[in-house]
């Protein structure tokens, strides 16, 4: 590794599994002091053990403003700043039009939009010129997906937040970008098919068939894009959406 992030303080929300966990590992390998969040202490402890490098886990739910306040106060007391924020926590479930409930809508937008907005906003006082904010987008935000319209709409909202925030932050020298993965081999993606292992494998195989490269992404491949956006290598990249999708949304 090149130690591109030596001396930087990085926060990854939803860092206990999948892309969040892989990103925390890559950030730590590049020299950053990493903090991760997660809702369950056991999973948080296991993730910290995997990452090593002095990573610190902070239990909390990003949909709770009081938990976010406690998170930011911990970082303020321990570090006094945040140099890299990967607002990654989120998720969704499937529901076709005609079966969308208020609970489904509220849960998806609370996790993917509301929580992301307040995670970024509450972090801003600890961020200075040169800091990098990376938002978790998705190819679903720019293409139609059957039975996944509410999740897709929430990710389209994330894309526009980045476009607007670069204008709000232009005087402060803080960059905001979006990384939009295609189908990535994570537990969360597999579980969209339910509890059946056969159904999960069927979903993953189908999704891989939609990608020109013929396979799903490994979470580490997405993580390395986040590291690029976190580092000075991307110093003139701002307000962009970078697709790490194997061509999925490009054809």
Protein backbone atom coordinates (compact mmCIF):
# COMPACT_ATOMS: atom_id res chain seq x y z
CA UNK A 1 0.00 0.00 0.00
CA UNK A 2 1.09 3.60 -0.65
CA UNK A 3 0.08 5.13 2.70
CA UNK A 4 -1.92 7.78 0.83
CA UNK A 5 -4.06 8.58 3.87
CA UNK A 6 -1.41 8.73 6.57
CA UNK A 7 -2.45 11.06 9.37
CA UNK A 8 -6.05 11.35 8.23
CA UNK A 9 -9.10 10.56 10.36
CA UNK A 10 -11.80 8.58 8.52
CA UNK A 11 -15.37 7.75 9.52
CA UNK A 12 -17.26 4.92 7.81
CA UNK A 13 -20.91 4.49 8.71
CA UNK A 14 -22.29 0.98 8.37
CA UNK A 15 -18.81 -0.46 8.60
CA UNK A 16 -19.52 -3.92 9.97
CA UNK A 17 -20.07 -5.81 6.72
CA UNK A 18 -20.01 -5.66 2.93
CA UNK A 19 -18.72 -2.53 1.23
CA UNK A 20 -18.43 -0.60 4.49
CA UNK A 21 -16.22 -3.22 6.10
CA UNK A 22 -14.07 -3.60 2.98
CA UNK A 23 -13.64 0.17 2.78
CA UNK A 24 -12.65 0.48 6.43
CA UNK A 25 -9.97 -2.16 5.80
CA UNK A 26 -8.61 -0.32 2.76
CA UNK A 27 -8.62 3.06 4.50
CA UNK A 28 -6.71 1.59 7.44
CA UNK A 29 -4.19 -0.07 5.12
CA UNK A 30 -3.61 3.32 3.49
CA UNK A 31 -2.68 4.80 6.87
CA UNK A 32 -5.92 6.44 8.01
CA UNK A 33 -7.13 6.29 11.59
CA UNK A 34 -10.52 4.69 11.06
CA UNK A 35 -13.77 4.85 13.01
CA UNK A 36 -16.73 2.67 12.03
CA UNK A 37 -20.34 2.56 13.14
CA UNK A 38 -22.77 -0.31 13.48
CA UNK A 39 -26.03 -1.02 15.26
CA UNK A 40 -25.01 -4.30 16.93
CA UNK A 41 -22.06 -4.50 19.30
CA UNK A 42 -21.14 -8.11 18.51
CA UNK A 43 -20.85 -7.41 14.77
CA UNK A 44 -18.99 -4.18 15.52
CA UNK A 45 -16.44 -6.01 17.66
CA UNK A 46 -15.96 -8.70 15.00
CA UNK A 47 -15.43 -6.07 12.30
CA UNK A 48 -12.87 -4.20 14.38
CA UNK A 49 -10.99 -7.45 14.95
CA UNK A 50 -10.90 -8.06 11.18
CA UNK A 51 -9.75 -4.54 10.34
CA UNK A 52 -7.10 -4.12 13.02
CA UNK A 53 -4.80 -1.09 12.73
CA UNK A 54 -6.33 0.48 15.85
CA UNK A 55 -9.77 0.94 14.29
CA UNK A 56 -12.42 2.06 16.74
CA UNK A 57 -16.05 0.95 16.57
CA UNK A 58 -18.87 3.16 17.82
CA UNK A 59 -22.25 1.56 18.33
CA UNK A 60 -25.22 3.52 17.08
CA UNK A 61 -28.04 3.82 14.57
CA UNK A 62 -27.55 6.55 11.95
CA UNK A 63 -31.33 7.03 11.74
CA UNK A 64 -31.23 8.30 15.35
CA UNK A 65 -30.15 11.93 15.71
CA UNK A 66 -29.18 11.34 19.33
CA UNK A 67 -26.90 8.48 18.26
CA UNK A 68 -25.39 10.71 15.57
CA UNK A 69 -24.80 13.46 18.15
CA UNK A 70 -23.02 10.97 20.41
CA UNK A 71 -20.93 9.73 17.46
CA UNK A 72 -19.79 13.22 16.51
CA UNK A 73 -19.04 14.13 20.12
CA UNK A 74 -16.86 11.03 20.42
CA UNK A 75 -14.90 12.05 17.34
CA UNK A 76 -14.67 15.65 18.54
CA UNK A 77 -13.24 14.56 21.87
CA UNK A 78 -10.91 11.89 20.48
CA UNK A 79 -9.64 13.54 17.28
CA UNK A 80 -11.04 17.03 16.92
CA UNK A 81 -11.62 16.54 13.20
CA UNK A 82 -12.87 14.32 10.38
CA UNK A 83 -10.84 14.26 7.16
CA UNK A 84 -12.75 11.53 5.32
CA UNK A 85 -16.44 10.66 5.67
CA UNK A 86 -17.89 7.67 3.85
CA UNK A 87 -21.65 7.88 4.41
CA UNK A 88 -22.28 4.26 3.60
CA UNK A 89 -24.99 3.05 6.00
CA UNK A 90 -28.29 2.25 4.33
CA UNK A 91 -30.16 -0.46 2.53
CA UNK A 92 -33.55 -1.42 1.22
CA UNK A 93 -36.08 -4.12 0.52
CA UNK A 94 -38.10 -5.01 -2.53
CA UNK A 95 -41.73 -4.05 -3.11
CA UNK A 96 -43.46 -3.64 -6.48
CA UNK A 97 -45.82 -0.76 -7.20
CA UNK A 98 -49.17 -1.72 -5.71
CA UNK A 99 -47.53 -3.26 -2.63
CA UNK A 100 -45.54 -0.25 -1.40
CA UNK A 101 -46.45 0.57 2.19
CA UNK A 102 -45.81 3.71 4.22
CA UNK A 103 -43.47 1.69 6.42
CA UNK A 104 -41.49 0.48 3.42
CA UNK A 105 -41.19 4.01 2.04
CA UNK A 106 -40.29 5.61 5.37
CA UNK A 107 -37.75 2.94 6.30
CA UNK A 108 -35.96 3.23 2.96
CA UNK A 109 -35.81 7.02 2.87
CA UNK A 110 -34.95 7.27 6.57
CA UNK A 111 -31.96 4.98 6.07
CA UNK A 112 -30.72 6.15 2.68
CA UNK A 113 -31.59 9.86 2.61
CA UNK A 114 -32.55 11.32 5.99
CA UNK A 115 -29.77 9.56 7.90
CA UNK A 116 -27.23 10.43 5.22
CA UNK A 117 -28.21 14.11 5.28
CA UNK A 118 -27.81 14.42 9.03
CA UNK A 119 -24.66 12.30 9.14
CA UNK A 120 -23.02 14.74 6.75
CA UNK A 121 -24.49 17.87 8.32
CA UNK A 122 -23.48 16.92 11.85
CA UNK A 123 -19.96 16.03 10.66
CA UNK A 124 -19.36 19.37 8.94
CA UNK A 125 -18.15 21.29 12.03
CA UNK A 126 -15.27 18.80 12.30
CA UNK A 127 -14.32 19.06 8.62
CA UNK A 128 -11.97 21.63 7.13
CA UNK A 129 -10.51 22.48 3.73
CA UNK A 130 -9.21 19.38 2.00
CA UNK A 131 -11.73 17.04 3.61
CA UNK A 132 -13.55 14.52 1.44
CA UNK A 133 -17.16 13.36 1.72
CA UNK A 134 -18.10 10.22 -0.18
CA UNK A 135 -21.76 9.23 -0.45
CA UNK A 136 -22.93 5.69 -1.15
CA UNK A 137 -24.97 5.69 -4.33
CA UNK A 138 -26.04 2.84 -6.59
CA UNK A 139 -26.56 2.04 -10.24
CA UNK A 140 -30.22 1.69 -9.21
CA UNK A 141 -30.31 5.47 -8.85
CA UNK A 142 -29.96 5.98 -12.60
CA UNK A 143 -31.75 2.97 -14.03
CA UNK A 144 -35.05 1.24 -13.52
CA UNK A 145 -35.23 -1.84 -11.32
CA UNK A 146 -38.35 -3.95 -11.03
CA UNK A 147 -39.87 -4.02 -7.51
CA UNK A 148 -37.10 -1.73 -6.25
CA UNK A 149 -38.46 1.71 -7.12
CA UNK A 150 -38.31 3.24 -3.64
CA UNK A 151 -34.71 2.19 -3.07
CA UNK A 152 -33.84 3.45 -6.56
CA UNK A 153 -35.52 6.80 -5.86
CA UNK A 154 -33.61 7.16 -2.60
CA UNK A 155 -30.30 6.66 -4.41
CA UNK A 156 -31.30 9.17 -7.09
CA UNK A 157 -31.82 11.62 -4.23
CA UNK A 158 -28.30 10.91 -2.95
CA UNK A 159 -26.88 11.78 -6.37
CA UNK A 160 -28.60 15.16 -6.39
CA UNK A 161 -27.57 15.92 -2.82
CA UNK A 162 -23.94 15.70 -3.95
CA UNK A 163 -24.58 18.06 -6.85
CA UNK A 164 -26.14 20.61 -4.54
CA UNK A 165 -23.71 20.24 -1.66
CA UNK A 166 -20.65 21.01 -3.75
CA UNK A 167 -22.21 24.43 -4.24
CA UNK A 168 -23.00 24.84 -0.54
CA UNK A 169 -19.42 23.88 0.38
CA UNK A 170 -17.46 25.57 -2.41
CA UNK A 171 -16.09 28.25 -0.07
CA UNK A 172 -14.90 25.65 2.43
CA UNK A 173 -12.80 23.48 0.11
CA UNK A 174 -14.63 20.27 1.03
CA UNK A 175 -15.22 17.84 -1.83
CA UNK A 176 -18.38 15.73 -2.16
CA UNK A 177 -18.59 12.75 -4.51
CA UNK A 178 -20.73 9.66 -4.99
CA UNK A 179 -19.55 6.11 -5.55
CA UNK A 180 -22.21 4.01 -7.25
CA UNK A 181 -21.58 0.27 -7.19
CA UNK A 182 -23.25 -2.21 -9.42
CA UNK A 183 -24.30 -5.59 -8.05
CA UNK A 184 -21.75 -6.51 -5.40
CA UNK A 185 -21.38 -9.84 -3.64
CA UNK A 186 -22.56 -8.94 -0.15
CA UNK A 187 -24.85 -10.58 2.37
CA UNK A 188 -27.29 -7.69 2.04
CA UNK A 189 -27.68 -8.21 -1.69
CA UNK A 190 -28.16 -11.97 -1.36
CA UNK A 191 -30.78 -11.52 1.36
CA UNK A 192 -33.01 -9.56 -1.00
CA UNK A 193 -34.01 -13.01 -2.27
CA UNK A 194 -35.08 -14.15 1.20
CA UNK A 195 -33.65 -16.82 3.48
CA UNK A 196 -33.40 -19.62 0.92
CA UNK A 197 -29.79 -20.26 -0.11
CA UNK A 198 -31.00 -21.56 -3.45
CA UNK A 199 -33.00 -18.39 -4.10
CA UNK A 200 -30.04 -16.25 -3.03
CA UNK A 201 -27.67 -18.02 -5.39
CA UNK A 202 -30.25 -17.69 -8.16
CA UNK A 203 -30.48 -13.94 -7.62
CA UNK A 204 -26.72 -13.48 -7.60
CA UNK A 205 -26.31 -15.55 -10.75
CA UNK A 206 -29.02 -13.56 -12.51
CA UNK A 207 -27.49 -10.23 -11.49
CA UNK A 208 -24.06 -11.35 -12.67
CA UNK A 209 -25.57 -12.12 -16.08
CA UNK A 210 -26.56 -8.44 -16.44
CA UNK A 211 -22.99 -7.21 -16.04
CA UNK A 212 -20.78 -7.02 -19.17
CA UNK A 213 -17.84 -8.33 -17.14
CA UNK A 214 -19.91 -11.41 -16.34
CA UNK A 215 -19.49 -11.36 -12.57
CA UNK A 216 -20.44 -9.49 -9.42
CA UNK A 217 -18.09 -6.99 -7.84
CA UNK A 218 -16.07 -7.95 -4.80
CA UNK A 219 -16.57 -5.38 -2.01
CA UNK A 220 -12.84 -4.62 -2.06
CA UNK A 221 -13.17 -3.36 -5.64
CA UNK A 222 -15.67 -0.74 -4.50
CA UNK A 223 -13.55 0.07 -1.47
CA UNK A 224 -10.58 0.99 -3.62
CA UNK A 225 -12.70 3.55 -5.49
CA UNK A 226 -13.67 5.10 -2.15
CA UNK A 227 -9.99 5.28 -1.19
CA UNK A 228 -9.28 7.12 -4.44
CA UNK A 229 -12.02 9.65 -3.67
CA UNK A 230 -10.73 10.01 -0.11
CA UNK A 231 -7.17 10.69 -1.21
CA UNK A 232 -5.43 13.65 -2.80
CA UNK A 233 -5.22 11.60 -6.00
CA UNK A 234 -8.78 12.84 -6.64
CA UNK A 235 -8.11 16.45 -5.60
CA UNK A 236 -9.94 17.88 -8.64
CA UNK A 237 -12.83 15.41 -8.60
CA UNK A 238 -15.87 17.11 -7.09
CA UNK A 239 -19.61 16.56 -7.44
CA UNK A 240 -18.99 13.46 -9.51
CA UNK A 241 -20.68 10.08 -9.56
CA UNK A 242 -18.15 7.34 -10.13
CA UNK A 243 -19.65 4.04 -11.27
CA UNK A 244 -17.89 0.90 -10.10
CA UNK A 245 -20.29 -1.43 -11.85
CA UNK A 246 -18.45 -3.56 -14.40
CA UNK A 247 -20.39 -1.71 -17.09
CA UNK A 248 -23.81 -2.61 -15.64
CA UNK A 249 -25.33 0.86 -15.97
CA UNK A 250 -23.26 1.93 -18.94
CA UNK A 251 -24.83 -0.19 -21.68
